[in-house]
Amino acid sequence: MNEETRLTEDALPELLGRIWNRVIGQVNTLLRAHETFEFFNFLENLNPSLEEVIKGFEFADFALTKFVESGDLEHDEMRQAINAKQCILKMKLLSNALAVQNQDEYTKIMQELKQQAQI
């Protein structure tokens, strides 16, 4: 194993951990906003906006996809990458539910995010 490969292997779990911590941190922020403001005042009280949050995760989502597709992840790393991607997708679905004023879908997604945050 050359030095570059070893550094990459050592850095990947750390990078995945940092991405996961940011994603789950945002999920927890959304859950707190949900508990405080619920459906009708949720969007008005987010700072940054949900759209900005989603935009901010675009590169992370792209990178996670590449990591998953690479075949280089260990089981726990794969699980962490997929869980992070799921959370990002749920944030996108949440944004859509709010855009079309679908309170049932919003509630369902918030419940799913709450369960995801307990992993």
Protein backbone atom coordinates (compact mmCIF):
# COMPACT_ATOMS: atom_id res chain seq x y z
CA MET A 1 0.00 0.00 0.00
CA ASN A 2 1.48 3.34 -0.97
CA GLU A 3 1.39 6.44 1.20
CA GLU A 4 -1.33 8.14 -0.88
CA THR A 5 -3.67 5.15 -0.61
CA ARG A 6 -3.16 4.94 3.16
CA LEU A 7 -3.90 8.64 3.59
CA THR A 8 -7.03 8.31 1.49
CA GLU A 9 -8.21 5.30 3.48
CA ASP A 10 -7.57 7.13 6.75
CA ALA A 11 -9.24 10.34 5.58
CA LEU A 12 -12.43 8.80 4.16
CA PRO A 13 -14.00 7.71 7.47
CA GLU A 14 -13.20 11.12 8.95
CA LEU A 15 -14.74 12.91 5.96
CA LEU A 16 -17.86 10.73 6.08
CA GLY A 17 -18.14 11.43 9.80
CA ARG A 18 -17.92 15.17 9.24
CA ILE A 19 -20.55 15.05 6.48
CA TRP A 20 -22.83 12.93 8.68
CA ASN A 21 -22.42 15.31 11.63
CA ARG A 22 -23.38 18.29 9.48
CA VAL A 23 -26.36 16.50 7.95
CA ILE A 24 -27.68 15.19 11.27
CA GLY A 25 -27.03 18.58 12.85
CA GLN A 26 -29.29 20.15 10.24
CA VAL A 27 -31.89 17.43 10.75
CA ASN A 28 -31.90 18.24 14.47
CA THR A 29 -32.29 21.95 13.66
CA LEU A 30 -35.31 21.14 11.48
CA LEU A 31 -36.79 18.95 14.20
CA ARG A 32 -36.42 21.74 16.77
CA ALA A 33 -38.07 24.19 14.36
CA HIS A 34 -40.89 21.70 13.82
CA GLU A 35 -41.44 21.32 17.58
CA THR A 36 -41.46 25.09 18.03
CA PHE A 37 -43.30 26.36 14.94
CA GLU A 38 -45.07 23.33 13.44
CA PHE A 39 -46.37 23.31 9.87
CA PHE A 40 -47.85 26.77 9.42
CA ASN A 41 -44.92 28.85 10.69
CA PHE A 42 -42.09 26.45 9.90
CA LEU A 43 -40.65 28.06 6.76
CA GLU A 44 -40.91 31.62 8.01
CA ASN A 45 -38.74 30.83 11.02
CA LEU A 46 -35.86 28.96 9.38
CA ASN A 47 -32.56 30.77 9.03
CA PRO A 48 -30.98 29.78 6.72
CA SER A 49 -33.97 28.84 4.59
CA LEU A 50 -34.64 25.22 3.73
CA GLU A 51 -33.76 25.95 0.10
CA GLU A 52 -30.38 27.36 1.19
CA VAL A 53 -29.75 24.31 3.36
CA ILE A 54 -30.53 21.95 0.49
CA LYS A 55 -28.34 23.94 -1.87
CA GLY A 56 -25.56 23.79 0.71
CA PHE A 57 -25.73 19.99 0.72
CA GLU A 58 -25.61 19.58 -3.08
CA PHE A 59 -21.87 18.92 -3.21
CA ALA A 60 -21.98 16.64 -0.15
CA ASP A 61 -24.80 14.65 -1.77
CA PHE A 62 -22.78 14.38 -5.00
CA ALA A 63 -19.68 13.26 -3.07
CA LEU A 64 -21.69 10.73 -1.07
CA THR A 65 -23.07 9.27 -4.30
CA LYS A 66 -19.54 8.88 -5.67
CA PHE A 67 -18.35 7.25 -2.43
CA VAL A 68 -21.27 4.80 -2.47
CA GLU A 69 -20.72 3.95 -6.14
CA SER A 70 -16.95 3.52 -5.69
CA GLY A 71 -17.19 0.18 -3.95
CA ASP A 72 -14.42 1.31 -1.59
CA LEU A 73 -16.52 1.79 1.54
CA GLU A 74 -16.55 -0.60 4.47
CA HIS A 75 -19.96 -1.69 5.78
CA ASP A 76 -20.25 1.02 8.46
CA GLU A 77 -19.00 3.70 6.06
CA MET A 78 -21.55 2.61 3.45
CA ARG A 79 -24.31 2.71 6.05
CA GLN A 80 -23.28 6.19 7.17
CA ALA A 81 -23.11 7.48 3.59
CA ILE A 82 -26.52 6.05 2.71
CA ASN A 83 -28.08 7.44 5.90
CA ALA A 84 -26.69 10.90 5.12
CA LYS A 85 -28.05 10.69 1.56
CA GLN A 86 -31.44 9.63 2.94
CA CYS A 87 -31.55 12.64 5.23
CA ILE A 88 -30.67 14.99 2.38
CA LEU A 89 -33.40 13.41 0.24
CA LYS A 90 -35.91 13.77 3.07
CA MET A 91 -35.01 17.46 3.37
CA LYS A 92 -35.76 17.83 -0.36
CA LEU A 93 -39.06 16.00 0.09
CA LEU A 94 -39.85 18.22 3.07
CA SER A 95 -39.23 21.30 0.96
CA ASN A 96 -41.59 19.97 -1.69
CA ALA A 97 -44.30 19.13 0.85
CA LEU A 98 -44.09 22.65 2.23
CA ALA A 99 -44.14 24.19 -1.26
CA VAL A 100 -47.41 22.44 -2.09
CA GLN A 101 -48.83 22.93 1.44
CA ASN A 102 -49.15 19.18 2.06
CA GLN A 103 -49.32 18.98 5.84
CA ASP A 104 -49.77 15.20 5.95
CA GLU A 105 -46.61 14.65 3.90
CA TYR A 106 -44.76 17.22 6.01
CA THR A 107 -45.75 15.40 9.21
CA LYS A 108 -44.75 12.02 7.76
CA ILE A 109 -41.32 13.31 6.69
CA MET A 110 -40.70 14.98 10.04
CA GLN A 111 -41.46 11.69 11.77
CA GLU A 112 -39.04 9.89 9.43
CA LEU A 113 -36.35 12.49 10.14
CA LYS A 114 -36.94 12.07 13.86
CA GLN A 115 -36.37 8.33 13.54
CA GLN A 116 -33.30 8.89 11.36
CA ALA A 117 -31.78 11.22 13.95
CA GLN A 118 -31.80 8.39 16.50
CA ILE A 119 -29.39 6.20 14.49
